[in-house]
PDB file of N, CA and C in Angstrom:
ATOM      1  N   MET A   1      18.224  52.613 -28.978  1.00  0.00           N
ATOM      2  CA  MET A   1      19.162  51.950 -28.214  1.00  0.00           C
ATOM      3  C   MET A   1      18.551  52.015 -26.727  1.00  0.00           C
ATOM      4  N   PRO A   2      18.416  50.887 -25.986  1.00  0.00           N
ATOM      5  CA  PRO A   2      18.030  50.861 -24.801  1.00  0.00           C
ATOM      6  C   PRO A   2      18.911  51.377 -23.701  1.00  0.00           C
ATOM      7  N   THR A   3      18.291  52.222 -22.701  1.00  0.00           N
ATOM      8  CA  THR A   3      19.030  52.888 -21.775  1.00  0.00           C
ATOM      9  C   THR A   3      19.110  52.016 -20.598  1.00  0.00           C
ATOM     10  N   HIS A   4      20.212  51.569 -19.894  1.00  0.00           N
ATOM     11  CA  HIS A   4      20.547  51.102 -18.866  1.00  0.00           C
ATOM     12  C   HIS A   4      20.783  51.729 -17.757  1.00  0.00           C
ATOM     13  N   ASP A   5      20.218  51.314 -16.514  1.00  0.00           N
ATOM     14  CA  ASP A   5      20.238  52.075 -15.312  1.00  0.00           C
ATOM     15  C   ASP A   5      21.931  51.653 -14.775  1.00  0.00           C
ATOM     16  N   LYS A   6      22.483  52.907 -14.680  1.00  0.00           N
ATOM     17  CA  LYS A   6      23.989  52.831 -14.190  1.00  0.00           C
ATOM     18  C   LYS A   6      24.299  52.398 -12.749  1.00  0.00           C
ATOM     19  N   ARG A   7      23.195  52.904 -12.018  1.00  0.00           N
ATOM     20  CA  ARG A   7      23.390  52.624 -10.477  1.00  0.00           C
ATOM     21  C   ARG A   7      23.416  51.036 -10.223  1.00  0.00           C
ATOM     22  N   LYS A   8      24.235  50.753  -9.404  1.00  0.00           N
ATOM     23  CA  LYS A   8      24.304  49.079  -8.845  1.00  0.00           C
ATOM     24  C   LYS A   8      23.412  49.035  -8.173  1.00  0.00           C
ATOM     25  N   THR A   9      22.780  48.040  -8.054  1.00  0.00           N
ATOM     26  CA  THR A   9      21.597  47.586  -6.849  1.00  0.00           C
ATOM     27  C   THR A   9      22.101  46.526  -5.946  1.00  0.00           C
ATOM     28  N   ARG A  10      22.138  46.768  -4.946  1.00  0.00           N
ATOM     29  CA  ARG A  10      22.651  46.040  -3.851  1.00  0.00           C
ATOM     30  C   ARG A  10      21.772  44.847  -3.453  1.00  0.00           C
ATOM     31  N   PRO A  11      22.517  43.620  -3.351  1.00  0.00           N
ATOM     32  CA  PRO A  11      21.415  42.480  -2.978  1.00  0.00           C
ATOM     33  C   PRO A  11      20.778  42.717  -1.818  1.00  0.00           C
ATOM     34  N   GLU A  12      19.573  41.972  -1.823  1.00  0.00           N
ATOM     35  CA  GLU A  12      18.762  42.077  -0.587  1.00  0.00           C
ATOM     36  C   GLU A  12      19.412  41.271   0.364  1.00  0.00           C
ATOM     37  N   ARG A  13      19.360  41.823   1.427  1.00  0.00           N
ATOM     38  CA  ARG A  13      19.960  41.527   2.669  1.00  0.00           C
ATOM     39  C   ARG A  13      18.819  40.883   3.567  1.00  0.00           C
ATOM     40  N   ARG A  14      19.023  39.651   4.361  1.00  0.00           N
ATOM     41  CA  ARG A  14      18.043  38.969   5.145  1.00  0.00           C
ATOM     42  C   ARG A  14      18.523  39.693   6.730  1.00  0.00           C
ATOM     43  N   LYS A  15      17.543  40.361   7.329  1.00  0.00           N
ATOM     44  CA  LYS A  15      18.129  40.711   8.566  1.00  0.00           C
ATOM     45  C   LYS A  15      17.554  39.709   9.701  1.00  0.00           C
ATOM     46  N   ALA A  16      18.052  39.404  10.538  1.00  0.00           N
ATOM     47  CA  ALA A  16      17.480  38.772  11.942  1.00  0.00           C
ATOM     48  C   ALA A  16      16.552  39.682  12.688  1.00  0.00           C
ATOM     49  N   ALA A  17      15.665  39.100  13.443  1.00  0.00           N
ATOM     50  CA  ALA A  17      14.546  39.897  14.051  1.00  0.00           C
ATOM     51  C   ALA A  17      15.192  40.768  15.002  1.00  0.00           C
ATOM     52  N   ALA A  18      14.658  41.924  14.981  1.00  0.00           N
ATOM     53  CA  ALA A  18      15.185  42.872  15.979  1.00  0.00           C
ATOM     54  C   ALA A  18      15.502  42.418  17.428  1.00  0.00           C
ATOM     55  N   GLY A  19      16.687  42.616  18.093  1.00  0.00           N
ATOM     56  CA  GLY A  19      16.880  42.083  19.497  1.00  0.00           C
ATOM     57  C   GLY A  19      17.455  40.805  19.452  1.00  0.00           C
ATOM     58  N   SER A  20      17.297  39.949  18.333  1.00  0.00           N
ATOM     59  CA  SER A  20      17.797  38.642  18.382  1.00  0.00           C
ATOM     60  C   SER A  20      19.209  38.264  18.388  1.00  0.00           C
ATOM     61  N   THR A  21      19.780  39.251  17.898  1.00  0.00           N
ATOM     62  CA  THR A  21      21.432  38.934  17.668  1.00  0.00           C
ATOM     63  C   THR A  21      22.256  40.280  18.186  1.00  0.00           C
ATOM     64  N   VAL A  22      23.650  39.997  18.245  1.00  0.00           N
ATOM     65  CA  VAL A  22      24.391  41.004  18.701  1.00  0.00           C
ATOM     66  C   VAL A  22      25.789  40.890  17.669  1.00  0.00           C
ATOM     67  N   ARG A  23      26.172  41.948  17.446  1.00  0.00           N
ATOM     68  CA  ARG A  23      27.005  42.183  16.343  1.00  0.00           C
ATOM     69  C   ARG A  23      28.491  42.412  17.207  1.00  0.00           C
ATOM     70  N   LEU A  24      29.439  41.493  16.589  1.00  0.00           N
ATOM     71  CA  LEU A  24      30.665  41.385  17.106  1.00  0.00           C
ATOM     72  C   LEU A  24      31.660  41.105  15.929  1.00  0.00           C
ATOM     73  N   GLU A  25      32.687  42.123  15.693  1.00  0.00           N
ATOM     74  CA  GLU A  25      33.583  41.914  14.499  1.00  0.00           C
ATOM     75  C   GLU A  25      32.986  41.896  13.062  1.00  0.00           C
ATOM     76  N   GLY A  26      31.719  42.429  12.993  1.00  0.00           N
ATOM     77  CA  GLY A  26      31.387  42.309  11.734  1.00  0.00           C
ATOM     78  C   GLY A  26      30.277  41.238  11.554  1.00  0.00           C
ATOM     79  N   LEU A  27      30.089  40.365  12.754  1.00  0.00           N
ATOM     80  CA  LEU A  27      29.324  39.116  12.632  1.00  0.00           C
ATOM     81  C   LEU A  27      28.146  39.471  13.551  1.00  0.00           C
ATOM     82  N   HIS A  28      26.960  38.881  13.002  1.00  0.00           N
ATOM     83  CA  HIS A  28      25.843  39.033  13.838  1.00  0.00           C
ATOM     84  C   HIS A  28      25.574  37.702  14.641  1.00  0.00           C
ATOM     85  N   ILE A  29      25.727  37.663  15.924  1.00  0.00           N
ATOM     86  CA  ILE A  29      25.494  36.337  16.456  1.00  0.00           C
ATOM     87  C   ILE A  29      24.216  36.431  17.390  1.00  0.00           C
ATOM     88  N   SER A  30      23.792  35.063  17.618  1.00  0.00           N
ATOM     89  CA  SER A  30      22.681  35.188  18.423  1.00  0.00           C
ATOM     90  C   SER A  30      22.851  35.337  19.871  1.00  0.00           C
ATOM     91  N   HIS A  31      21.930  35.761  20.650  1.00  0.00           N
ATOM     92  CA  HIS A  31      21.976  36.060  21.955  1.00  0.00           C
ATOM     93  C   HIS A  31      22.359  34.816  22.832  1.00  0.00           C
ATOM     94  N   ALA A  32      21.959  33.600  22.440  1.00  0.00           N
ATOM     95  CA  ALA A  32      22.436  32.408  23.144  1.00  0.00           C
ATOM     96  C   ALA A  32      23.866  32.269  23.063  1.00  0.00           C
ATOM     97  N   ALA A  33      24.476  32.295  21.606  1.00  0.00           N
ATOM     98  CA  ALA A  33      25.930  32.342  21.493  1.00  0.00           C
ATOM     99  C   ALA A  33      26.526  33.414  22.211  1.00  0.00           C
ATOM    100  N   TRP A  34      25.996  34.564  22.122  1.00  0.00           N
ATOM    101  CA  TRP A  34      26.777  35.657  23.050  1.00  0.00           C
ATOM    102  C   TRP A  34      26.965  35.224  24.614  1.00  0.00           C
ATOM    103  N   ALA A  35      25.622  34.812  25.229  1.00  0.00           N
ATOM    104  CA  ALA A  35      25.722  34.230  26.366  1.00  0.00           C
ATOM    105  C   ALA A  35      27.086  33.236  26.665  1.00  0.00           C
ATOM    106  N   ARG A  36      27.038  32.292  25.840  1.00  0.00           N
ATOM    107  CA  ARG A  36      28.225  31.194  25.691  1.00  0.00           C
ATOM    108  C   ARG A  36      29.525  32.064  25.705  1.00  0.00           C
ATOM    109  N   LEU A  37      29.766  32.975  24.818  1.00  0.00           N
ATOM    110  CA  LEU A  37      30.837  33.932  24.704  1.00  0.00           C
ATOM    111  C   LEU A  37      31.203  34.503  25.718  1.00  0.00           C
ATOM    112  N   GLU A  38      30.323  35.096  26.481  1.00  0.00           N
ATOM    113  CA  GLU A  38      30.591  35.879  27.660  1.00  0.00           C
ATOM    114  C   GLU A  38      30.870  34.929  28.876  1.00  0.00           C
ATOM    115  N   ALA A  39      30.444  33.679  28.861  1.00  0.00           N
ATOM    116  CA  ALA A  39      30.827  32.496  30.041  1.00  0.00           C
ATOM    117  C   ALA A  39      32.319  31.972  29.735  1.00  0.00           C
ATOM    118  N   LEU A  40      32.572  32.118  28.483  1.00  0.00           N
ATOM    119  CA  LEU A  40      34.032  31.587  28.047  1.00  0.00           C
ATOM    120  C   LEU A  40      35.089  32.849  28.386  1.00  0.00           C
ATOM    121  N   VAL A  41      34.436  33.929  28.247  1.00  0.00           N
ATOM    122  CA  VAL A  41      35.467  35.148  28.729  1.00  0.00           C
ATOM    123  C   VAL A  41      35.701  35.271  30.237  1.00  0.00           C
ATOM    124  N   ALA A  42      34.663  34.715  30.890  1.00  0.00           N
ATOM    125  CA  ALA A  42      34.377  34.710  32.504  1.00  0.00           C
ATOM    126  C   ALA A  42      35.382  33.649  32.784  1.00  0.00           C
ATOM    127  N   GLN A  43      35.470  32.514  32.336  1.00  0.00           N
ATOM    128  CA  GLN A  43      36.110  31.209  32.725  1.00  0.00           C
ATOM    129  C   GLN A  43      37.488  31.689  32.478  1.00  0.00           C
ATOM    130  N   LEU A  44      37.831  32.288  31.084  1.00  0.00           N
ATOM    131  CA  LEU A  44      39.345  32.645  30.908  1.00  0.00           C
ATOM    132  C   LEU A  44      39.929  33.643  32.213  1.00  0.00           C
ATOM    133  N   GLY A  45      39.136  34.466  32.311  1.00  0.00           N
ATOM    134  CA  GLY A  45      39.382  35.201  33.457  1.00  0.00           C
ATOM    135  C   GLY A  45      39.724  34.780  34.850  1.00  0.00           C
ATOM    136  N   ARG A  46      38.926  33.690  35.207  1.00  0.00           N
ATOM    137  CA  ARG A  46      38.736  32.928  36.243  1.00  0.00           C
ATOM    138  C   ARG A  46      40.335  32.157  36.267  1.00  0.00           C
ATOM    139  N   ALA A  47      40.811  31.682  35.018  1.00  0.00           N
ATOM    140  CA  ALA A  47      41.906  30.936  34.805  1.00  0.00           C
ATOM    141  C   ALA A  47      43.031  31.914  35.111  1.00  0.00           C
ATOM    142  N   GLY A  48      42.788  33.203  35.219  1.00  0.00           N
ATOM    143  CA  GLY A  48      44.233  33.779  35.368  1.00  0.00           C
ATOM    144  C   GLY A  48      44.670  34.497  33.900  1.00  0.00           C
ATOM    145  N   ILE A  49      43.667  34.634  33.059  1.00  0.00           N
ATOM    146  CA  ILE A  49      44.062  35.281  31.893  1.00  0.00           C
ATOM    147  C   ILE A  49      43.165  36.562  31.726  1.00  0.00           C
ATOM    148  N   PRO A  50      43.421  37.774  32.731  1.00  0.00           N
ATOM    149  CA  PRO A  50      42.796  39.058  32.867  1.00  0.00           C
ATOM    150  C   PRO A  50      42.591  39.692  31.401  1.00  0.00           C
ATOM    151  N   ARG A  51      43.262  39.675  30.483  1.00  0.00           N
ATOM    152  CA  ARG A  51      43.093  40.320  29.218  1.00  0.00           C
ATOM    153  C   ARG A  51      42.466  39.523  28.021  1.00  0.00           C
ATOM    154  N   ALA A  52      41.638  38.582  28.633  1.00  0.00           N
ATOM    155  CA  ALA A  52      40.714  37.774  27.736  1.00  0.00           C
ATOM    156  C   ALA A  52      39.762  38.705  26.988  1.00  0.00           C
ATOM    157  N   HIS A  53      39.895  38.533  25.662  1.00  0.00           N
ATOM    158  CA  HIS A  53      38.881  39.311  24.854  1.00  0.00           C
ATOM    159  C   HIS A  53      37.848  38.854  24.314  1.00  0.00           C
ATOM    160  N   ARG A  54      36.706  39.216  24.020  1.00  0.00           N
ATOM    161  CA  ARG A  54      35.734  38.277  23.251  1.00  0.00           C
ATOM    162  C   ARG A  54      36.278  37.844  21.880  1.00  0.00           C
ATOM    163  N   SER A  55      36.929  38.809  21.251  1.00  0.00           N
ATOM    164  CA  SER A  55      37.344  38.317  19.967  1.00  0.00           C
ATOM    165  C   SER A  55      38.068  37.081  19.968  1.00  0.00           C
ATOM    166  N   GLY A  56      38.789  36.895  20.748  1.00  0.00           N
ATOM    167  CA  GLY A  56      39.811  35.598  21.131  1.00  0.00           C
ATOM    168  C   GLY A  56      38.994  34.386  21.773  1.00  0.00           C
ATOM    169  N   ALA A  57      37.898  34.786  22.345  1.00  0.00           N
ATOM    170  CA  ALA A  57      37.234  33.862  22.847  1.00  0.00           C
ATOM    171  C   ALA A  57      36.230  33.259  21.640  1.00  0.00           C
ATOM    172  N   LEU A  58      35.773  34.226  20.748  1.00  0.00           N
ATOM    173  CA  LEU A  58      35.034  33.843  19.662  1.00  0.00           C
ATOM    174  C   LEU A  58      35.891  33.156  18.683  1.00  0.00           C
ATOM    175  N   ASP A  59      37.076  33.210  18.518  1.00  0.00           N
ATOM    176  CA  ASP A  59      38.016  32.486  17.670  1.00  0.00           C
ATOM    177  C   ASP A  59      38.007  31.001  18.448  1.00  0.00           C
ATOM    178  N   MET A  60      38.407  31.004  19.766  1.00  0.00           N
ATOM    179  CA  MET A  60      38.200  29.840  20.215  1.00  0.00           C
ATOM    180  C   MET A  60      37.014  28.915  20.304  1.00  0.00           C
ATOM    181  N   LEU A  61      35.887  29.397  20.475  1.00  0.00           N
ATOM    182  CA  LEU A  61      34.528  28.997  20.114  1.00  0.00           C
ATOM    183  C   LEU A  61      34.250  28.330  18.627  1.00  0.00           C
ATOM    184  N   VAL A  62      34.670  29.109  17.709  1.00  0.00           N
ATOM    185  CA  VAL A  62      34.528  28.513  16.426  1.00  0.00           C
ATOM    186  C   VAL A  62      35.691  27.807  15.735  1.00  0.00           C
ATOM    187  N   LEU A  63      36.953  28.077  16.136  1.00  0.00           N
ATOM    188  CA  LEU A  63      37.818  27.297  15.432  1.00  0.00           C
ATOM    189  C   LEU A  63      38.351  26.011  16.422  1.00  0.00           C
ATOM    190  N   HIS A  64      37.902  25.991  17.776  1.00  0.00           N
ATOM    191  CA  HIS A  64      38.490  24.943  18.750  1.00  0.00           C
ATOM    192  C   HIS A  64      37.309  24.684  19.807  1.00  0.00           C
ATOM    193  N   PRO A  65      36.118  24.277  19.050  1.00  0.00           N
ATOM    194  CA  PRO A  65      34.828  23.933  19.776  1.00  0.00           C
ATOM    195  C   PRO A  65      35.268  23.091  21.067  1.00  0.00           C
ATOM    196  N   GLU A  66      36.126  22.063  20.885  1.00  0.00           N
ATOM    197  CA  GLU A  66      36.305  21.052  21.872  1.00  0.00           C
ATOM    198  C   GLU A  66      37.079  21.902  22.991  1.00  0.00           C
ATOM    199  N   VAL A  67      38.234  22.547  22.826  1.00  0.00           N
ATOM    200  CA  VAL A  67      38.655  23.134  23.724  1.00  0.00           C
ATOM    201  C   VAL A  67      37.629  24.454  24.585  1.00  0.00           C
ATOM    202  N   ALA A  68      36.993  24.855  23.870  1.00  0.00           N
ATOM    203  CA  ALA A  68      35.895  25.828  24.354  1.00  0.00           C
ATOM    204  C   ALA A  68      35.021  25.137  25.369  1.00  0.00           C
ATOM    205  N   ALA A  69      34.453  23.965  24.881  1.00  0.00           N
ATOM    206  CA  ALA A  69      33.859  22.908  25.803  1.00  0.00           C
ATOM    207  C   ALA A  69      34.416  22.673  27.205  1.00  0.00           C
ATOM    208  N   MET A  70      35.681  22.241  27.074  1.00  0.00           N
ATOM    209  CA  MET A  70      36.492  22.006  28.055  1.00  0.00           C
ATOM    210  C   MET A  70      36.524  23.363  29.286  1.00  0.00           C
ATOM    211  N   VAL A  71      37.041  24.357  28.656  1.00  0.00           N
ATOM    212  CA  VAL A  71      36.882  25.477  29.401  1.00  0.00           C
ATOM    213  C   VAL A  71      35.801  25.950  30.133  1.00  0.00           C
ATOM    214  N   LEU A  72      34.635  25.861  29.224  1.00  0.00           N
ATOM    215  CA  LEU A  72      33.302  25.911  29.849  1.00  0.00           C
ATOM    216  C   LEU A  72      33.170  25.353  30.906  1.00  0.00           C
ATOM    217  N   ALA A  73      33.494  23.902  30.769  1.00  0.00           N
ATOM    218  CA  ALA A  73      33.091  22.918  31.942  1.00  0.00           C
ATOM    219  C   ALA A  73      33.737  23.114  33.200  1.00  0.00           C
ATOM    220  N   GLY A  74      35.282  23.753  32.755  1.00  0.00           N
ATOM    221  CA  GLY A  74      35.983  23.968  34.263  1.00  0.00           C
ATOM    222  C   GLY A  74      36.559  22.755  34.567  1.00  0.00           C
ATOM    223  N   GLY A  75      37.717  23.019  35.385  1.00  0.00           N
ATOM    224  CA  GLY A  75      38.227  22.084  36.401  1.00  0.00           C
ATOM    225  C   GLY A  75      39.300  21.299  35.362  1.00  0.00           C
ATOM    226  N   CYS A  76      39.954  21.889  34.454  1.00  0.00           N
ATOM    227  CA  CYS A  76      40.734  21.306  33.483  1.00  0.00           C
ATOM    228  C   CYS A  76      41.943  22.156  33.101  1.00  0.00           C
ATOM    229  N   ARG A  77      43.124  21.411  32.644  1.00  0.00           N
ATOM    230  CA  ARG A  77      44.255  21.999  32.250  1.00  0.00           C
ATOM    231  C   ARG A  77      44.053  22.296  30.723  1.00  0.00           C
ATOM    232  N   VAL A  78      44.685  23.491  30.205  1.00  0.00           N
ATOM    233  CA  VAL A  78      44.433  23.708  28.787  1.00  0.00           C
ATOM    234  C   VAL A  78      45.808  24.536  28.530  1.00  0.00           C
ATOM    235  N   SER A  79      46.401  24.296  27.370  1.00  0.00           N
ATOM    236  CA  SER A  79      47.620  24.903  26.929  1.00  0.00           C
ATOM    237  C   SER A  79      47.453  25.439  25.580  1.00  0.00           C
ATOM    238  N   TRP A  80      48.182  26.459  25.338  1.00  0.00           N
ATOM    239  CA  TRP A  80      48.098  27.483  24.173  1.00  0.00           C
ATOM    240  C   TRP A  80      49.540  27.867  23.932  1.00  0.00           C
ATOM    241  N   CYS A  81      49.947  27.483  22.639  1.00  0.00           N
ATOM    242  CA  CYS A  81      51.074  27.837  21.921  1.00  0.00           C
ATOM    243  C   CYS A  81      50.952  29.268  21.364  1.00  0.00           C
ATOM    244  N   ALA A  82      51.973  30.144  22.062  1.00  0.00           N
ATOM    245  CA  ALA A  82      52.049  31.504  21.753  1.00  0.00           C
ATOM    246  C   ALA A  82      52.651  31.849  20.604  1.00  0.00           C
ATOM    247  N   THR A  83      53.356  30.864  20.082  1.00  0.00           N
ATOM    248  CA  THR A  83      54.163  30.999  18.713  1.00  0.00           C
ATOM    249  C   THR A  83      53.315  30.736  17.568  1.00  0.00           C
ATOM    250  N   CYS A  84      52.472  29.470  17.680  1.00  0.00           N
ATOM    251  CA  CYS A  84      51.431  29.597  16.365  1.00  0.00           C
ATOM    252  C   CYS A  84      50.207  29.353  16.637  1.00  0.00           C
ATOM    253  N   ALA A  85      49.652  30.058  17.984  1.00  0.00           N
ATOM    254  CA  ALA A  85      48.226  30.132  18.262  1.00  0.00           C
ATOM    255  C   ALA A  85      47.451  28.845  18.437  1.00  0.00           C
ATOM    256  N   ALA A  86      48.092  27.454  18.481  1.00  0.00           N
ATOM    257  CA  ALA A  86      47.465  26.354  18.537  1.00  0.00           C
ATOM    258  C   ALA A  86      46.951  26.224  19.964  1.00  0.00           C
ATOM    259  N   TRP A  87      45.722  25.873  20.180  1.00  0.00           N
ATOM    260  CA  TRP A  87      45.200  25.347  21.567  1.00  0.00           C
ATOM    261  C   TRP A  87      45.260  23.574  21.578  1.00  0.00           C
ATOM    262  N   LEU A  88      45.798  23.800  22.602  1.00  0.00           N
ATOM    263  CA  LEU A  88      46.255  22.128  22.914  1.00  0.00           C
ATOM    264  C   LEU A  88      45.475  21.673  24.135  1.00  0.00           C
ATOM    265  N   PRO A  89      44.369  20.818  24.020  1.00  0.00           N
ATOM    266  CA  PRO A  89      43.481  20.593  25.018  1.00  0.00           C
ATOM    267  C   PRO A  89      44.117  19.578  26.173  1.00  0.00           C
ATOM    268  N   THR A  90      45.200  18.901  25.952  1.00  0.00           N
ATOM    269  CA  THR A  90      45.857  18.184  26.932  1.00  0.00           C
ATOM    270  C   THR A  90      46.998  18.320  27.440  1.00  0.00           C
ATOM    271  N   ALA A  91      47.595  18.071  28.223  1.00  0.00           N
ATOM    272  CA  ALA A  91      49.031  18.193  28.682  1.00  0.00           C
ATOM    273  C   ALA A  91      49.777  17.364  27.900  1.00  0.00           C
ATOM    274  N   ARG A  92      49.165  16.142  27.451  1.00  0.00           N
ATOM    275  CA  ARG A  92      49.873  15.211  26.399  1.00  0.00           C
ATOM    276  C   ARG A  92      50.245  16.002  25.101  1.00  0.00           C
ATOM    277  N   ASP A  93      48.795  16.634  24.635  1.00  0.00           N
ATOM    278  CA  ASP A  93      49.055  17.499  23.528  1.00  0.00           C
ATOM    279  C   ASP A  93      50.201  18.612  23.451  1.00  0.00           C
ATOM    280  N   ALA A  94      50.387  19.046  24.819  1.00  0.00           N
ATOM    281  CA  ALA A  94      51.260  20.318  24.877  1.00  0.00           C
ATOM    282  C   ALA A  94      52.618  19.680  24.830  1.00  0.00           C
ATOM    283  N   LEU A  95      52.828  18.402  25.265  1.00  0.00           N
ATOM    284  CA  LEU A  95      54.317  18.075  25.328  1.00  0.00           C
ATOM    285  C   LEU A  95      54.585  17.705  23.803  1.00  0.00           C
ATOM    286  N   THR A  96      53.709  17.003  23.368  1.00  0.00           N
ATOM    287  CA  THR A  96      54.060  16.181  22.004  1.00  0.00           C
ATOM    288  C   THR A  96      54.280  17.659  21.039  1.00  0.00           C
ATOM    289  N   HIS A  97      53.428  18.598  21.202  1.00  0.00           N
ATOM    290  CA  HIS A  97      53.809  19.854  20.302  1.00  0.00           C
ATOM    291  C   HIS A  97      55.271  20.559  20.689  1.00  0.00           C
ATOM    292  N   GLN A  98      55.357  20.569  21.981  1.00  0.00           N
ATOM    293  CA  GLN A  98      56.658  21.263  22.198  1.00  0.00           C
ATOM    294  C   GLN A  98      57.809  20.177  21.677  1.00  0.00           C
ATOM    295  N   ASP A  99      57.740  19.180  21.687  1.00  0.00           N
ATOM    296  CA  ASP A  99      58.817  18.023  21.428  1.00  0.00           C
ATOM    297  C   ASP A  99      58.912  18.321  19.876  1.00  0.00           C
ATOM    298  N   ALA A 100      57.643  18.244  19.351  1.00  0.00           N
ATOM    299  CA  ALA A 100      57.842  18.446  17.628  1.00  0.00           C
ATOM    300  C   ALA A 100      58.315  19.948  17.278  1.00  0.00           C
ATOM    301  N   GLN A 101      58.040  20.884  18.035  1.00  0.00           N
ATOM    302  CA  GLN A 101      58.574  22.444  17.579  1.00  0.00           C
ATOM    303  C   GLN A 101      59.200  22.750  19.022  1.00  0.00           C
ATOM    304  N   PRO A 102      60.417  22.299  19.159  1.00  0.00           N
ATOM    305  CA  PRO A 102      60.955  22.941  20.390  1.00  0.00           C
ATOM    306  C   PRO A 102      61.011  24.739  20.527  1.00  0.00           C
ATOM    307  N   GLU A 103      61.182  25.224  19.319  1.00  0.00           N
ATOM    308  CA  GLU A 103      61.094  26.829  19.239  1.00  0.00           C
ATOM    309  C   GLU A 103      60.039  27.539  19.785  1.00  0.00           C
ATOM    310  N   HIS A 104      58.701  26.561  19.838  1.00  0.00           N
ATOM    311  CA  HIS A 104      57.609  27.139  20.114  1.00  0.00           C
ATOM    312  C   HIS A 104      57.399  27.268  21.589  1.00  0.00           C
ATOM    313  N   VAL A 105      56.599  28.253  22.098  1.00  0.00           N
ATOM    314  CA  VAL A 105      56.541  28.654  23.580  1.00  0.00           C
ATOM    315  C   VAL A 105      55.107  28.190  23.620  1.00  0.00           C
ATOM    316  N   VAL A 106      54.877  27.376  24.609  1.00  0.00           N
ATOM    317  CA  VAL A 106      53.587  26.722  25.078  1.00  0.00           C
ATOM    318  C   VAL A 106      53.444  27.026  26.440  1.00  0.00           C
ATOM    319  N   GLN A 107      52.093  27.827  26.816  1.00  0.00           N
ATOM    320  CA  GLN A 107      51.735  28.160  27.852  1.00  0.00           C
ATOM    321  C   GLN A 107      50.622  27.487  28.412  1.00  0.00           C
ATOM    322  N   GLY A 108      50.566  26.853  29.537  1.00  0.00           N
ATOM    323  CA  GLY A 108      49.284  26.098  30.091  1.00  0.00           C
ATOM    324  C   GLY A 108      48.657  26.754  31.103  1.00  0.00           C
ATOM    325  N   PHE A 109      47.350  26.839  31.252  1.00  0.00           N
ATOM    326  CA  PHE A 109      46.541  27.245  32.285  1.00  0.00           C
ATOM    327  C   PHE A 109      45.444  26.374  32.890  1.00  0.00           C
ATOM    328  N   LEU A 110      45.352  26.416  34.198  1.00  0.00           N
ATOM    329  CA  LEU A 110      44.296  25.505  34.969  1.00  0.00           C
ATOM    330  C   LEU A 110      42.945  26.412  34.826  1.00  0.00           C
ATOM    331  N   VAL A 111      41.880  25.613  34.429  1.00  0.00           N
ATOM    332  CA  VAL A 111      40.723  26.393  34.222  1.00  0.00           C
ATOM    333  C   VAL A 111      39.984  25.697  35.585  1.00  0.00           C
ATOM    334  N   PRO A 112      39.500  26.829  36.528  1.00  0.00           N
ATOM    335  CA  PRO A 112      38.902  26.360  37.782  1.00  0.00           C
ATOM    336  C   PRO A 112      37.407  25.772  37.367  1.00  0.00           C
ATOM    337  N   PRO A 113      36.734  25.044  38.203  1.00  0.00           N
ATOM    338  CA  PRO A 113      35.397  24.663  37.850  1.00  0.00           C
ATOM    339  C   PRO A 113      34.372  26.167  37.897  1.00  0.00           C
ATOM    340  N   ALA A 114      33.545  25.959  37.137  1.00  0.00           N
ATOM    341  CA  ALA A 114      32.670  27.196  36.921  1.00  0.00           C
ATOM    342  C   ALA A 114      31.721  27.567  38.042  1.00  0.00           C
TER     343      ALA A 114
END
């Protein structure tokens, strides 16, 4: 009767070159992406959101790249629904959202130029 090794072997993981990534919330992101993330957090801070966190900025970069691009470019108005966490890139989108969902609370902020 053959004997089987009872230990489970872990799959081999590919690792990025040392110093090329930063770990955030279990993800390894490149230094270029980290710099973009830091710039986004700084822009959100300049827009009057002092409690802007890297995790929220990462969500914006991944889930709403068009809004992140607007915030990074600066000089625009962006709205966020505090009820459903939707990012609304234009005032028209915010008004449409508010009309469709009157119980939702939409907060807008002006992003100054970088």
